[in-house]
């Protein structure tokens, strides 16, 4: 199962990510409304946890936008706003459920499972780009009949890159999602894992490369040959 968290409070977002991962969800985290829309449109999720008060565009607009694009993923709104009009606005915009902060972890988990049961149990087993596939259950990177196992952090970096094959993934986004907001990890740690992944792509004789976008981040690319 896969989850998307859209929450601008980074400590809360990190805590929510741990809750989801404890429930065996593969979890992406973004910190503004615009990124929330981009992620929701680019990858199939089983649930989206969405704050209302966000940078760029608020949660109401995020829901309205993804629903207008025919994204039917269940959306649970989590916010400090607890007035009836706010709840009504969220539900009318297309949200499926609503919780207020502070919340009990047990209640959040119960609502998550209720929403994902309601939406069915369709699980994505792999991601594909060009001539490679990433096994989301076994953490193996494959090309045809060859495969190589990825470490947990290599897997998370590659998964984020393959979830966004046509756009750059910011270094900050990779570090925050793979290591966490409080990790103190720097760019050179990330660069080491990018180097490991490039080596494994070469081992598979793949046409896929990881492009370094100066001072921005990384993007997958396919070499013509």
N, C-alpha and C. Protein backbone atom coordinates (compact mmCIF):
# COMPACT_ATOMS: atom_id res chain seq x y z
N UNK A 1 0.85 -1.19 0.00
CA UNK A 1 0.00 0.00 0.00
C UNK A 1 0.89 1.24 0.00
N UNK A 2 0.41 2.31 -0.63
CA UNK A 2 1.20 3.53 -0.75
C UNK A 2 0.40 4.72 -0.25
N UNK A 3 1.10 5.63 0.42
CA UNK A 3 0.46 6.81 0.99
C UNK A 3 1.22 8.07 0.61
N UNK A 4 0.48 9.16 0.48
CA UNK A 4 1.07 10.48 0.27
C UNK A 4 0.64 11.38 1.42
N UNK A 5 1.62 12.02 2.06
CA UNK A 5 1.37 12.97 3.14
C UNK A 5 1.70 14.37 2.62
N UNK A 6 0.74 15.28 2.73
CA UNK A 6 0.95 16.67 2.34
C UNK A 6 0.78 17.52 3.60
N UNK A 7 1.89 17.90 4.20
CA UNK A 7 1.88 18.58 5.50
C UNK A 7 3.11 19.47 5.60
N UNK A 8 2.91 20.78 5.87
CA UNK A 8 4.04 21.71 5.87
C UNK A 8 4.80 21.75 7.19
N UNK A 9 4.25 21.21 8.26
CA UNK A 9 4.98 21.13 9.53
C UNK A 9 5.88 19.89 9.46
N UNK A 10 7.18 20.11 9.29
CA UNK A 10 8.07 19.00 8.96
C UNK A 10 8.19 17.97 10.08
N UNK A 11 8.15 18.41 11.33
CA UNK A 11 8.22 17.44 12.42
C UNK A 11 6.97 16.57 12.46
N UNK A 12 5.82 17.19 12.28
CA UNK A 12 4.58 16.43 12.24
C UNK A 12 4.57 15.49 11.04
N UNK A 13 5.05 15.99 9.89
CA UNK A 13 5.10 15.15 8.70
C UNK A 13 5.97 13.92 8.93
N UNK A 14 7.11 14.11 9.61
CA UNK A 14 8.00 12.99 9.90
C UNK A 14 7.32 11.98 10.84
N UNK A 15 6.57 12.49 11.84
CA UNK A 15 5.85 11.60 12.76
C UNK A 15 4.76 10.83 12.02
N UNK A 16 4.04 11.52 11.13
CA UNK A 16 3.00 10.85 10.35
C UNK A 16 3.60 9.78 9.44
N UNK A 17 4.74 10.08 8.86
CA UNK A 17 5.41 9.10 7.99
C UNK A 17 5.74 7.83 8.76
N UNK A 18 6.21 7.99 10.01
CA UNK A 18 6.53 6.82 10.82
C UNK A 18 5.27 6.01 11.12
N UNK A 19 4.15 6.69 11.38
CA UNK A 19 2.90 5.99 11.65
C UNK A 19 2.48 5.16 10.44
N UNK A 20 2.55 5.76 9.25
CA UNK A 20 2.18 5.04 8.04
C UNK A 20 3.12 3.86 7.78
N UNK A 21 4.41 4.08 7.96
CA UNK A 21 5.37 3.01 7.69
C UNK A 21 5.22 1.87 8.70
N UNK A 22 4.82 2.20 9.93
CA UNK A 22 4.54 1.14 10.90
C UNK A 22 3.36 0.28 10.48
N UNK A 23 2.49 0.86 9.62
CA UNK A 23 1.33 0.12 9.09
C UNK A 23 1.63 -0.48 7.72
N UNK A 24 2.93 -0.54 7.38
CA UNK A 24 3.41 -1.17 6.14
C UNK A 24 3.06 -0.39 4.88
N UNK A 25 2.91 0.93 4.99
CA UNK A 25 2.71 1.77 3.82
C UNK A 25 4.06 2.27 3.30
N UNK A 26 4.24 2.25 2.00
CA UNK A 26 5.33 2.98 1.36
C UNK A 26 4.86 4.43 1.26
N UNK A 27 5.61 5.36 1.84
CA UNK A 27 5.08 6.70 2.09
C UNK A 27 5.94 7.79 1.47
N UNK A 28 5.30 8.70 0.74
CA UNK A 28 5.93 9.91 0.23
C UNK A 28 5.44 11.10 1.06
N UNK A 29 6.32 12.09 1.24
CA UNK A 29 5.98 13.29 2.00
C UNK A 29 6.34 14.52 1.18
N UNK A 30 5.41 15.47 1.08
CA UNK A 30 5.69 16.76 0.47
C UNK A 30 5.15 17.85 1.39
N UNK A 31 5.61 19.08 1.18
CA UNK A 31 5.38 20.12 2.18
C UNK A 31 4.62 21.34 1.67
N UNK A 32 4.06 21.27 0.48
CA UNK A 32 3.25 22.37 -0.03
C UNK A 32 2.19 21.84 -0.97
N UNK A 33 1.16 22.65 -1.20
CA UNK A 33 0.03 22.21 -1.98
C UNK A 33 0.35 21.89 -3.42
N UNK A 34 1.21 22.69 -4.03
CA UNK A 34 1.55 22.46 -5.44
C UNK A 34 2.23 21.12 -5.62
N UNK A 35 3.17 20.79 -4.72
CA UNK A 35 3.85 19.49 -4.79
C UNK A 35 2.86 18.36 -4.52
N UNK A 36 1.90 18.61 -3.62
CA UNK A 36 0.88 17.61 -3.35
C UNK A 36 0.10 17.24 -4.59
N UNK A 37 -0.28 18.24 -5.37
CA UNK A 37 -1.00 17.99 -6.62
C UNK A 37 -0.11 17.20 -7.58
N UNK A 38 1.14 17.62 -7.73
CA UNK A 38 2.04 16.96 -8.68
C UNK A 38 2.23 15.50 -8.33
N UNK A 39 2.47 15.20 -7.06
CA UNK A 39 2.66 13.81 -6.64
C UNK A 39 1.38 13.00 -6.83
N UNK A 40 0.24 13.58 -6.44
CA UNK A 40 -1.03 12.86 -6.54
C UNK A 40 -1.36 12.50 -7.98
N UNK A 41 -0.94 13.35 -8.93
CA UNK A 41 -1.22 13.10 -10.34
C UNK A 41 -0.21 12.16 -10.99
N UNK A 42 0.99 12.05 -10.38
CA UNK A 42 2.06 11.29 -11.02
C UNK A 42 2.16 9.84 -10.57
N UNK A 43 1.60 9.52 -9.41
CA UNK A 43 1.77 8.16 -8.89
C UNK A 43 0.46 7.66 -8.29
N UNK A 44 0.22 6.36 -8.37
CA UNK A 44 -1.01 5.79 -7.79
C UNK A 44 -0.86 5.58 -6.28
N UNK A 45 -1.66 6.26 -5.50
CA UNK A 45 -1.64 6.12 -4.04
C UNK A 45 -2.92 5.44 -3.57
N UNK A 46 -2.82 4.81 -2.39
CA UNK A 46 -3.99 4.19 -1.77
C UNK A 46 -4.69 5.15 -0.82
N UNK A 47 -3.97 6.17 -0.34
CA UNK A 47 -4.56 7.18 0.53
C UNK A 47 -3.69 8.43 0.50
N UNK A 48 -4.34 9.59 0.63
CA UNK A 48 -3.63 10.88 0.73
C UNK A 48 -4.05 11.53 2.04
N UNK A 49 -3.06 11.89 2.86
CA UNK A 49 -3.31 12.63 4.09
C UNK A 49 -2.95 14.09 3.82
N UNK A 50 -3.91 14.98 3.99
CA UNK A 50 -3.78 16.33 3.46
C UNK A 50 -4.12 17.38 4.52
N UNK A 51 -3.18 18.29 4.76
CA UNK A 51 -3.45 19.44 5.63
C UNK A 51 -4.18 20.51 4.82
N UNK A 52 -4.92 21.38 5.50
CA UNK A 52 -5.61 22.47 4.80
C UNK A 52 -4.70 23.67 4.61
N UNK A 53 -4.04 24.13 5.67
CA UNK A 53 -3.21 25.33 5.61
C UNK A 53 -1.84 24.97 5.06
N UNK A 54 -1.65 25.23 3.76
CA UNK A 54 -0.41 24.85 3.08
C UNK A 54 0.15 26.04 2.30
N UNK A 55 1.48 26.05 2.07
CA UNK A 55 2.04 27.05 1.16
C UNK A 55 1.52 26.87 -0.26
N UNK A 56 1.59 27.91 -1.05
CA UNK A 56 1.19 27.92 -2.47
C UNK A 56 -0.33 27.85 -2.63
N UNK A 57 -0.88 26.67 -2.48
CA UNK A 57 -2.33 26.51 -2.57
C UNK A 57 -2.80 25.69 -1.38
N UNK A 58 -4.01 25.96 -0.89
CA UNK A 58 -4.47 25.26 0.31
C UNK A 58 -5.03 23.88 -0.03
N UNK A 59 -5.35 23.14 1.04
CA UNK A 59 -5.82 21.77 0.87
C UNK A 59 -7.11 21.66 0.10
N UNK A 60 -8.01 22.64 0.27
CA UNK A 60 -9.26 22.62 -0.49
C UNK A 60 -8.98 22.61 -1.99
N UNK A 61 -8.06 23.48 -2.41
CA UNK A 61 -7.74 23.56 -3.85
C UNK A 61 -7.03 22.31 -4.33
N UNK A 62 -6.18 21.73 -3.46
CA UNK A 62 -5.50 20.48 -3.83
C UNK A 62 -6.54 19.41 -4.15
N UNK A 63 -7.52 19.23 -3.24
CA UNK A 63 -8.55 18.20 -3.47
C UNK A 63 -9.34 18.49 -4.74
N UNK A 64 -9.77 19.74 -4.89
CA UNK A 64 -10.56 20.09 -6.07
C UNK A 64 -9.79 19.81 -7.36
N UNK A 65 -8.49 20.12 -7.35
CA UNK A 65 -7.67 19.94 -8.55
C UNK A 65 -7.52 18.47 -8.90
N UNK A 66 -7.17 17.64 -7.91
CA UNK A 66 -6.95 16.22 -8.24
C UNK A 66 -8.27 15.52 -8.59
N UNK A 67 -9.36 15.95 -7.97
CA UNK A 67 -10.65 15.35 -8.34
C UNK A 67 -11.04 15.75 -9.77
N UNK A 68 -10.71 16.97 -10.17
CA UNK A 68 -11.02 17.41 -11.54
C UNK A 68 -10.21 16.63 -12.57
N UNK A 69 -9.08 16.05 -12.12
CA UNK A 69 -8.23 15.23 -13.00
C UNK A 69 -8.56 13.74 -12.87
N UNK A 70 -9.69 13.43 -12.25
CA UNK A 70 -10.20 12.06 -12.13
C UNK A 70 -9.37 11.18 -11.20
N UNK A 71 -8.65 11.79 -10.24
CA UNK A 71 -7.94 11.02 -9.22
C UNK A 71 -8.94 10.67 -8.12
N UNK A 72 -9.17 9.39 -7.90
CA UNK A 72 -10.19 8.96 -6.94
C UNK A 72 -9.61 8.47 -5.62
N UNK A 73 -8.32 8.64 -5.42
CA UNK A 73 -7.67 8.20 -4.17
C UNK A 73 -8.37 8.79 -2.95
N UNK A 74 -8.64 7.98 -1.92
CA UNK A 74 -9.25 8.52 -0.70
C UNK A 74 -8.37 9.62 -0.08
N UNK A 75 -9.00 10.70 0.34
CA UNK A 75 -8.29 11.83 0.95
C UNK A 75 -8.80 12.03 2.37
N UNK A 76 -7.87 12.00 3.32
CA UNK A 76 -8.18 12.30 4.72
C UNK A 76 -7.57 13.64 5.05
N UNK A 77 -8.41 14.61 5.38
CA UNK A 77 -7.93 15.95 5.73
C UNK A 77 -7.60 16.00 7.22
N UNK A 78 -6.41 16.51 7.52
CA UNK A 78 -5.94 16.62 8.89
C UNK A 78 -5.55 18.07 9.13
N UNK A 79 -6.25 18.74 10.06
CA UNK A 79 -6.04 20.18 10.20
C UNK A 79 -6.40 20.66 11.60
N UNK A 80 -5.90 21.83 11.94
CA UNK A 80 -6.25 22.45 13.22
C UNK A 80 -7.62 23.09 13.17
N UNK A 81 -8.18 23.27 11.98
CA UNK A 81 -9.50 23.90 11.85
C UNK A 81 -10.59 22.87 12.15
N UNK A 82 -11.42 23.16 13.16
CA UNK A 82 -12.42 22.18 13.54
C UNK A 82 -13.85 22.70 13.47
N UNK A 83 -14.05 23.86 12.82
CA UNK A 83 -15.40 24.39 12.71
C UNK A 83 -16.20 23.60 11.67
N UNK A 84 -17.53 23.58 11.86
CA UNK A 84 -18.39 22.84 10.94
C UNK A 84 -18.24 23.32 9.50
N UNK A 85 -18.21 24.66 9.23
CA UNK A 85 -18.05 25.10 7.83
C UNK A 85 -16.77 24.58 7.18
N UNK A 86 -15.66 24.53 7.94
CA UNK A 86 -14.41 24.00 7.38
C UNK A 86 -14.54 22.53 7.02
N UNK A 87 -15.20 21.77 7.90
CA UNK A 87 -15.40 20.35 7.61
C UNK A 87 -16.27 20.18 6.37
N UNK A 88 -17.35 20.97 6.29
CA UNK A 88 -18.24 20.89 5.14
C UNK A 88 -17.50 21.26 3.86
N UNK A 89 -16.69 22.33 3.92
CA UNK A 89 -15.93 22.76 2.74
C UNK A 89 -14.97 21.67 2.28
N UNK A 90 -14.32 21.01 3.24
CA UNK A 90 -13.38 19.95 2.88
C UNK A 90 -14.08 18.79 2.22
N UNK A 91 -15.19 18.37 2.78
CA UNK A 91 -15.94 17.25 2.21
C UNK A 91 -16.54 17.61 0.86
N UNK A 92 -17.05 18.84 0.74
CA UNK A 92 -17.61 19.28 -0.54
C UNK A 92 -16.54 19.40 -1.62
N UNK A 93 -15.31 19.70 -1.21
CA UNK A 93 -14.23 19.82 -2.19
C UNK A 93 -13.82 18.46 -2.73
N UNK A 94 -14.18 17.38 -2.01
CA UNK A 94 -13.86 16.04 -2.50
C UNK A 94 -13.15 15.16 -1.51
N UNK A 95 -12.92 15.65 -0.28
CA UNK A 95 -12.28 14.82 0.74
C UNK A 95 -13.23 13.72 1.18
N UNK A 96 -12.64 12.62 1.68
CA UNK A 96 -13.45 11.49 2.12
C UNK A 96 -13.65 11.46 3.63
N UNK A 97 -12.74 12.08 4.38
CA UNK A 97 -12.85 12.09 5.83
C UNK A 97 -12.05 13.28 6.36
N UNK A 98 -12.20 13.55 7.66
CA UNK A 98 -11.70 14.78 8.24
C UNK A 98 -11.31 14.50 9.69
N UNK A 99 -10.07 14.87 10.06
CA UNK A 99 -9.63 14.79 11.46
C UNK A 99 -8.99 16.11 11.87
N UNK A 100 -9.13 16.45 13.15
CA UNK A 100 -8.53 17.69 13.65
C UNK A 100 -7.32 17.39 14.51
N UNK A 101 -6.38 18.35 14.52
CA UNK A 101 -5.21 18.27 15.39
C UNK A 101 -5.57 18.88 16.75
N UNK A 102 -5.05 18.35 17.86
CA UNK A 102 -4.25 17.12 17.97
C UNK A 102 -5.14 15.88 17.79
N UNK A 103 -4.52 14.78 17.42
CA UNK A 103 -5.28 13.57 17.14
C UNK A 103 -4.67 12.39 17.90
N UNK A 104 -5.47 11.39 18.13
CA UNK A 104 -4.98 10.15 18.73
C UNK A 104 -4.47 9.24 17.61
N UNK A 105 -3.28 8.71 17.79
CA UNK A 105 -2.69 7.85 16.76
C UNK A 105 -3.60 6.67 16.43
N UNK A 106 -4.22 6.10 17.47
CA UNK A 106 -5.08 4.93 17.25
C UNK A 106 -6.27 5.29 16.35
N UNK A 107 -6.84 6.48 16.55
CA UNK A 107 -7.98 6.88 15.72
C UNK A 107 -7.52 7.12 14.28
N UNK A 108 -6.36 7.76 14.13
CA UNK A 108 -5.84 8.00 12.77
C UNK A 108 -5.64 6.67 12.05
N UNK A 109 -5.05 5.70 12.71
CA UNK A 109 -4.80 4.40 12.09
C UNK A 109 -6.13 3.74 11.69
N UNK A 110 -7.12 3.83 12.57
CA UNK A 110 -8.43 3.23 12.28
C UNK A 110 -9.06 3.89 11.06
N UNK A 111 -8.96 5.21 10.96
CA UNK A 111 -9.56 5.91 9.80
C UNK A 111 -8.80 5.57 8.52
N UNK A 112 -7.48 5.47 8.60
CA UNK A 112 -6.67 5.10 7.44
C UNK A 112 -7.12 3.74 6.89
N UNK A 113 -7.24 2.77 7.78
CA UNK A 113 -7.61 1.43 7.33
C UNK A 113 -9.05 1.38 6.83
N UNK A 114 -9.93 2.18 7.42
CA UNK A 114 -11.31 2.23 6.94
C UNK A 114 -11.36 2.78 5.52
N UNK A 115 -10.59 3.82 5.25
CA UNK A 115 -10.60 4.43 3.92
C UNK A 115 -9.95 3.52 2.88
N UNK A 116 -8.86 2.86 3.24
CA UNK A 116 -8.19 2.00 2.25
C UNK A 116 -9.00 0.73 1.99
N UNK A 117 -9.72 0.23 3.00
CA UNK A 117 -10.61 -0.91 2.75
C UNK A 117 -11.72 -0.52 1.80
N UNK A 118 -12.22 0.70 1.99
CA UNK A 118 -13.33 1.18 1.16
C UNK A 118 -12.90 1.32 -0.30
N UNK A 119 -11.62 1.65 -0.52
CA UNK A 119 -11.15 1.89 -1.89
C UNK A 119 -10.65 0.62 -2.56
N UNK A 120 -10.63 -0.51 -1.82
CA UNK A 120 -10.16 -1.75 -2.41
C UNK A 120 -8.73 -2.03 -2.03
N UNK A 121 -8.25 -3.19 -2.41
CA UNK A 121 -6.92 -3.62 -2.00
C UNK A 121 -5.98 -3.77 -3.19
N UNK A 122 -6.11 -2.90 -4.18
CA UNK A 122 -5.22 -2.95 -5.34
C UNK A 122 -3.86 -2.39 -4.93
N UNK A 123 -2.83 -3.19 -5.08
CA UNK A 123 -1.50 -2.79 -4.64
C UNK A 123 -0.55 -2.79 -5.84
N UNK A 124 0.21 -1.73 -5.98
CA UNK A 124 1.21 -1.64 -7.04
C UNK A 124 2.45 -2.41 -6.61
N UNK A 125 2.87 -3.37 -7.43
CA UNK A 125 4.00 -4.23 -7.07
C UNK A 125 5.32 -3.72 -7.61
N UNK A 126 5.29 -2.91 -8.65
CA UNK A 126 6.54 -2.46 -9.24
C UNK A 126 6.37 -1.13 -9.97
N UNK A 127 7.49 -0.44 -10.13
CA UNK A 127 7.55 0.76 -10.95
C UNK A 127 8.42 0.45 -12.15
N UNK A 128 8.13 1.07 -13.28
CA UNK A 128 8.91 0.83 -14.50
C UNK A 128 9.31 2.14 -15.14
N UNK A 129 10.53 2.15 -15.69
CA UNK A 129 11.00 3.29 -16.48
C UNK A 129 11.99 2.75 -17.51
N UNK A 130 11.75 3.09 -18.78
CA UNK A 130 12.63 2.64 -19.86
C UNK A 130 12.81 1.12 -19.77
N UNK A 131 14.05 0.64 -19.58
CA UNK A 131 14.28 -0.82 -19.59
C UNK A 131 14.43 -1.42 -18.20
N UNK A 132 14.11 -0.64 -17.14
CA UNK A 132 14.25 -1.17 -15.79
C UNK A 132 12.91 -1.19 -15.05
N UNK A 133 12.81 -2.09 -14.09
CA UNK A 133 11.66 -2.12 -13.19
C UNK A 133 12.19 -2.20 -11.76
N UNK A 134 11.44 -1.60 -10.84
CA UNK A 134 11.79 -1.63 -9.43
C UNK A 134 10.73 -2.44 -8.70
N UNK A 135 11.13 -3.55 -8.13
CA UNK A 135 10.23 -4.41 -7.38
C UNK A 135 9.97 -3.77 -6.02
N UNK A 136 8.73 -3.37 -5.75
CA UNK A 136 8.41 -2.65 -4.52
C UNK A 136 8.24 -3.58 -3.33
N UNK A 137 8.20 -4.87 -3.57
CA UNK A 137 8.06 -5.83 -2.47
C UNK A 137 9.39 -6.46 -2.10
N UNK A 138 10.27 -6.64 -3.08
CA UNK A 138 11.55 -7.29 -2.80
C UNK A 138 12.74 -6.37 -2.85
N UNK A 139 12.53 -5.08 -3.22
CA UNK A 139 13.61 -4.09 -3.28
C UNK A 139 14.69 -4.46 -4.30
N UNK A 140 14.27 -5.11 -5.40
CA UNK A 140 15.21 -5.47 -6.45
C UNK A 140 15.02 -4.56 -7.66
N UNK A 141 16.12 -4.17 -8.26
CA UNK A 141 16.11 -3.42 -9.51
C UNK A 141 16.40 -4.40 -10.62
N UNK A 142 15.56 -4.40 -11.67
CA UNK A 142 15.64 -5.44 -12.67
C UNK A 142 15.72 -4.87 -14.09
N UNK A 143 16.42 -5.62 -14.94
CA UNK A 143 16.37 -5.40 -16.38
C UNK A 143 16.29 -6.77 -17.03
N UNK A 144 15.17 -7.04 -17.69
CA UNK A 144 14.93 -8.34 -18.31
C UNK A 144 15.13 -9.44 -17.27
N UNK A 145 16.05 -10.36 -17.48
CA UNK A 145 16.22 -11.47 -16.54
C UNK A 145 17.30 -11.22 -15.50
N UNK A 146 17.92 -10.04 -15.55
CA UNK A 146 18.96 -9.70 -14.57
C UNK A 146 18.38 -8.82 -13.47
N UNK A 147 18.92 -8.96 -12.28
CA UNK A 147 18.45 -8.14 -11.17
C UNK A 147 19.58 -7.87 -10.19
N UNK A 148 19.41 -6.81 -9.41
CA UNK A 148 20.37 -6.47 -8.37
C UNK A 148 19.58 -5.96 -7.17
N UNK A 149 19.97 -6.38 -5.99
CA UNK A 149 19.25 -5.99 -4.78
C UNK A 149 19.73 -4.61 -4.32
N UNK A 150 18.77 -3.79 -3.86
CA UNK A 150 19.08 -2.46 -3.36
C UNK A 150 18.99 -2.43 -1.84
N UNK A 151 19.88 -1.65 -1.23
CA UNK A 151 19.77 -1.42 0.21
C UNK A 151 18.53 -0.58 0.48
N UNK A 152 18.05 -0.51 1.71
CA UNK A 152 16.84 0.28 1.99
C UNK A 152 16.93 1.73 1.52
N UNK A 153 18.03 2.40 1.72
CA UNK A 153 18.13 3.79 1.30
C UNK A 153 18.32 3.92 -0.21
N UNK A 154 19.06 3.00 -0.82
CA UNK A 154 19.14 2.98 -2.29
C UNK A 154 17.74 2.80 -2.88
N UNK A 155 16.97 1.90 -2.30
CA UNK A 155 15.62 1.65 -2.77
C UNK A 155 14.75 2.91 -2.68
N UNK A 156 14.80 3.61 -1.54
CA UNK A 156 13.97 4.80 -1.37
C UNK A 156 14.37 5.90 -2.36
N UNK A 157 15.67 6.09 -2.58
CA UNK A 157 16.12 7.10 -3.55
C UNK A 157 15.63 6.74 -4.95
N UNK A 158 15.81 5.49 -5.35
CA UNK A 158 15.40 5.07 -6.69
C UNK A 158 13.88 5.15 -6.84
N UNK A 159 13.15 4.80 -5.80
CA UNK A 159 11.69 4.85 -5.87
C UNK A 159 11.20 6.29 -6.10
N UNK A 160 11.80 7.24 -5.41
CA UNK A 160 11.42 8.64 -5.60
C UNK A 160 11.75 9.11 -7.01
N UNK A 161 12.91 8.70 -7.53
CA UNK A 161 13.28 9.09 -8.90
C UNK A 161 12.34 8.46 -9.92
N UNK A 162 11.97 7.20 -9.71
CA UNK A 162 11.10 6.51 -10.67
C UNK A 162 9.65 6.96 -10.55
N UNK A 163 9.27 7.50 -9.39
CA UNK A 163 7.93 8.07 -9.25
C UNK A 163 7.80 9.39 -10.02
N UNK A 164 8.92 10.00 -10.33
CA UNK A 164 8.92 11.31 -11.00
C UNK A 164 9.88 11.28 -12.19
N UNK A 165 9.64 10.39 -13.16
CA UNK A 165 10.63 10.15 -14.22
C UNK A 165 10.84 11.32 -15.17
N UNK A 166 9.87 12.23 -15.24
CA UNK A 166 9.98 13.33 -16.21
C UNK A 166 10.33 14.66 -15.56
N UNK A 167 10.63 14.64 -14.27
CA UNK A 167 10.94 15.90 -13.60
C UNK A 167 12.08 15.71 -12.61
N UNK A 168 12.70 16.82 -12.24
CA UNK A 168 13.78 16.78 -11.28
C UNK A 168 13.23 16.54 -9.88
N UNK A 169 13.94 15.72 -9.12
CA UNK A 169 13.62 15.55 -7.70
C UNK A 169 14.66 16.34 -6.92
N UNK A 170 14.21 17.29 -6.15
CA UNK A 170 15.11 18.17 -5.41
C UNK A 170 15.94 17.37 -4.40
N UNK A 171 17.19 17.83 -4.19
CA UNK A 171 18.04 17.19 -3.19
C UNK A 171 17.37 17.22 -1.82
N UNK A 172 16.76 18.35 -1.49
CA UNK A 172 16.10 18.48 -0.19
C UNK A 172 14.97 17.46 -0.06
N UNK A 173 14.22 17.26 -1.14
CA UNK A 173 13.12 16.29 -1.11
C UNK A 173 13.65 14.89 -0.87
N UNK A 174 14.73 14.52 -1.53
CA UNK A 174 15.31 13.20 -1.36
C UNK A 174 15.81 13.00 0.08
N UNK A 175 16.52 13.98 0.60
CA UNK A 175 17.06 13.86 1.95
C UNK A 175 15.95 13.78 2.98
N UNK A 176 14.94 14.63 2.86
CA UNK A 176 13.85 14.65 3.83
C UNK A 176 13.06 13.35 3.81
N UNK A 177 12.81 12.81 2.62
CA UNK A 177 12.00 11.60 2.51
C UNK A 177 12.77 10.34 2.86
N UNK A 178 14.07 10.32 2.58
CA UNK A 178 14.85 9.09 2.81
C UNK A 178 15.47 9.06 4.20
N UNK A 179 16.00 10.21 4.66
CA UNK A 179 16.69 10.25 5.94
C UNK A 179 15.88 10.93 7.06
N UNK A 180 14.96 11.83 6.70
CA UNK A 180 14.17 12.52 7.71
C UNK A 180 14.67 13.92 8.00
N UNK A 181 13.78 14.75 8.53
CA UNK A 181 14.08 16.17 8.74
C UNK A 181 15.15 16.39 9.80
N UNK A 182 15.28 15.48 10.75
CA UNK A 182 16.20 15.69 11.88
C UNK A 182 17.50 14.91 11.72
N UNK A 183 17.76 14.37 10.54
CA UNK A 183 18.90 13.46 10.38
C UNK A 183 20.24 14.17 10.31
N UNK A 184 20.27 15.41 9.83
CA UNK A 184 21.54 16.11 9.64
C UNK A 184 22.33 15.65 8.43
N UNK A 185 21.71 14.82 7.59
CA UNK A 185 22.39 14.32 6.38
C UNK A 185 22.65 15.47 5.42
N UNK A 186 23.80 15.47 4.78
CA UNK A 186 24.18 16.53 3.84
C UNK A 186 24.23 15.99 2.41
N UNK A 187 24.47 16.90 1.47
CA UNK A 187 24.44 16.54 0.05
C UNK A 187 25.41 15.42 -0.29
N UNK A 188 26.59 15.41 0.37
CA UNK A 188 27.59 14.40 -0.01
C UNK A 188 27.14 12.98 0.37
N UNK A 189 26.29 12.86 1.42
CA UNK A 189 25.73 11.54 1.74
C UNK A 189 24.80 11.07 0.63
N UNK A 190 23.96 11.99 0.15
CA UNK A 190 23.06 11.66 -0.95
C UNK A 190 23.85 11.31 -2.20
N UNK A 191 24.88 12.08 -2.49
CA UNK A 191 25.69 11.83 -3.68
C UNK A 191 26.31 10.43 -3.66
N UNK A 192 26.68 9.97 -2.46
CA UNK A 192 27.25 8.62 -2.35
C UNK A 192 26.23 7.57 -2.78
N UNK A 193 24.97 7.74 -2.37
CA UNK A 193 23.94 6.77 -2.75
C UNK A 193 23.59 6.86 -4.23
N UNK A 194 23.63 8.07 -4.78
CA UNK A 194 23.44 8.21 -6.23
C UNK A 194 24.54 7.46 -6.97
N UNK A 195 25.76 7.55 -6.45
CA UNK A 195 26.89 6.83 -7.07
C UNK A 195 26.68 5.32 -7.00
N UNK A 196 26.18 4.83 -5.85
CA UNK A 196 25.90 3.39 -5.72
C UNK A 196 24.87 2.95 -6.76
N UNK A 197 23.82 3.75 -6.93
CA UNK A 197 22.76 3.40 -7.88
C UNK A 197 23.27 3.44 -9.32
N UNK A 198 24.09 4.41 -9.65
CA UNK A 198 24.66 4.46 -11.00
C UNK A 198 25.48 3.21 -11.29
N UNK A 199 26.23 2.75 -10.27
CA UNK A 199 27.04 1.55 -10.44
C UNK A 199 26.14 0.33 -10.70
N UNK A 200 25.01 0.26 -10.01
CA UNK A 200 24.12 -0.88 -10.18
C UNK A 200 23.39 -0.82 -11.53
N UNK A 201 23.10 0.38 -12.01
CA UNK A 201 22.52 0.52 -13.34
C UNK A 201 23.50 0.06 -14.40
N UNK A 202 24.77 0.39 -14.22
CA UNK A 202 25.80 -0.07 -15.17
C UNK A 202 25.93 -1.59 -15.11
N UNK A 203 25.84 -2.15 -13.89
CA UNK A 203 25.92 -3.60 -13.74
C UNK A 203 24.81 -4.30 -14.54
N UNK A 204 23.62 -3.68 -14.56
CA UNK A 204 22.50 -4.23 -15.32
C UNK A 204 22.60 -3.93 -16.81
N UNK A 205 23.59 -3.14 -17.20
CA UNK A 205 23.73 -2.72 -18.59
C UNK A 205 22.48 -1.99 -19.07
N UNK A 206 21.95 -1.15 -18.19
CA UNK A 206 20.72 -0.40 -18.49
C UNK A 206 21.04 0.86 -19.29
N UNK A 207 20.07 1.28 -20.07
CA UNK A 207 20.19 2.55 -20.80
C UNK A 207 19.82 3.74 -19.91
N UNK A 208 19.39 3.46 -18.68
CA UNK A 208 18.96 4.52 -17.76
C UNK A 208 20.16 5.12 -17.04
N UNK A 209 20.19 6.43 -16.96
CA UNK A 209 21.21 7.13 -16.19
C UNK A 209 20.53 8.09 -15.21
N UNK A 210 21.28 8.51 -14.21
CA UNK A 210 20.78 9.49 -13.25
C UNK A 210 21.52 10.79 -13.49
N UNK A 211 20.80 11.77 -14.01
CA UNK A 211 21.39 13.06 -14.34
C UNK A 211 21.50 13.94 -13.10
N UNK A 212 22.63 14.59 -12.96
CA UNK A 212 22.84 15.56 -11.89
C UNK A 212 22.49 16.95 -12.41
N UNK A 213 21.46 17.55 -11.85
CA UNK A 213 21.06 18.90 -12.24
C UNK A 213 21.68 19.87 -11.24
N UNK A 214 22.66 20.61 -11.69
CA UNK A 214 23.52 21.41 -10.83
C UNK A 214 22.72 22.25 -9.83
N UNK A 215 23.00 22.05 -8.53
CA UNK A 215 22.42 22.80 -7.42
C UNK A 215 20.91 22.61 -7.28
N UNK A 216 20.35 21.65 -8.02
CA UNK A 216 18.90 21.43 -7.97
C UNK A 216 18.58 20.05 -7.42
N UNK A 217 19.00 19.01 -8.14
CA UNK A 217 18.68 17.65 -7.72
C UNK A 217 19.06 16.66 -8.80
N UNK A 218 18.23 15.64 -8.97
CA UNK A 218 18.53 14.56 -9.90
C UNK A 218 17.29 14.19 -10.71
N UNK A 219 17.54 13.60 -11.88
CA UNK A 219 16.45 13.18 -12.76
C UNK A 219 16.90 11.96 -13.54
N UNK A 220 15.98 11.03 -13.74
CA UNK A 220 16.29 9.88 -14.57
C UNK A 220 16.31 10.28 -16.04
N UNK A 221 17.17 9.63 -16.81
CA UNK A 221 17.26 9.90 -18.24
C UNK A 221 17.60 8.59 -18.94
N UNK A 222 17.19 8.49 -20.20
CA UNK A 222 17.48 7.29 -20.98
C UNK A 222 18.44 7.64 -22.10
N UNK A 223 19.56 6.95 -22.14
CA UNK A 223 20.54 7.17 -23.19
C UNK A 223 20.08 6.46 -24.45
N UNK A 224 20.21 7.15 -25.57
CA UNK A 224 19.87 6.55 -26.86
C UNK A 224 21.05 5.72 -27.34
N UNK A 225 20.76 4.55 -27.87
CA UNK A 225 21.87 3.74 -28.32
C UNK A 225 21.41 2.52 -29.08
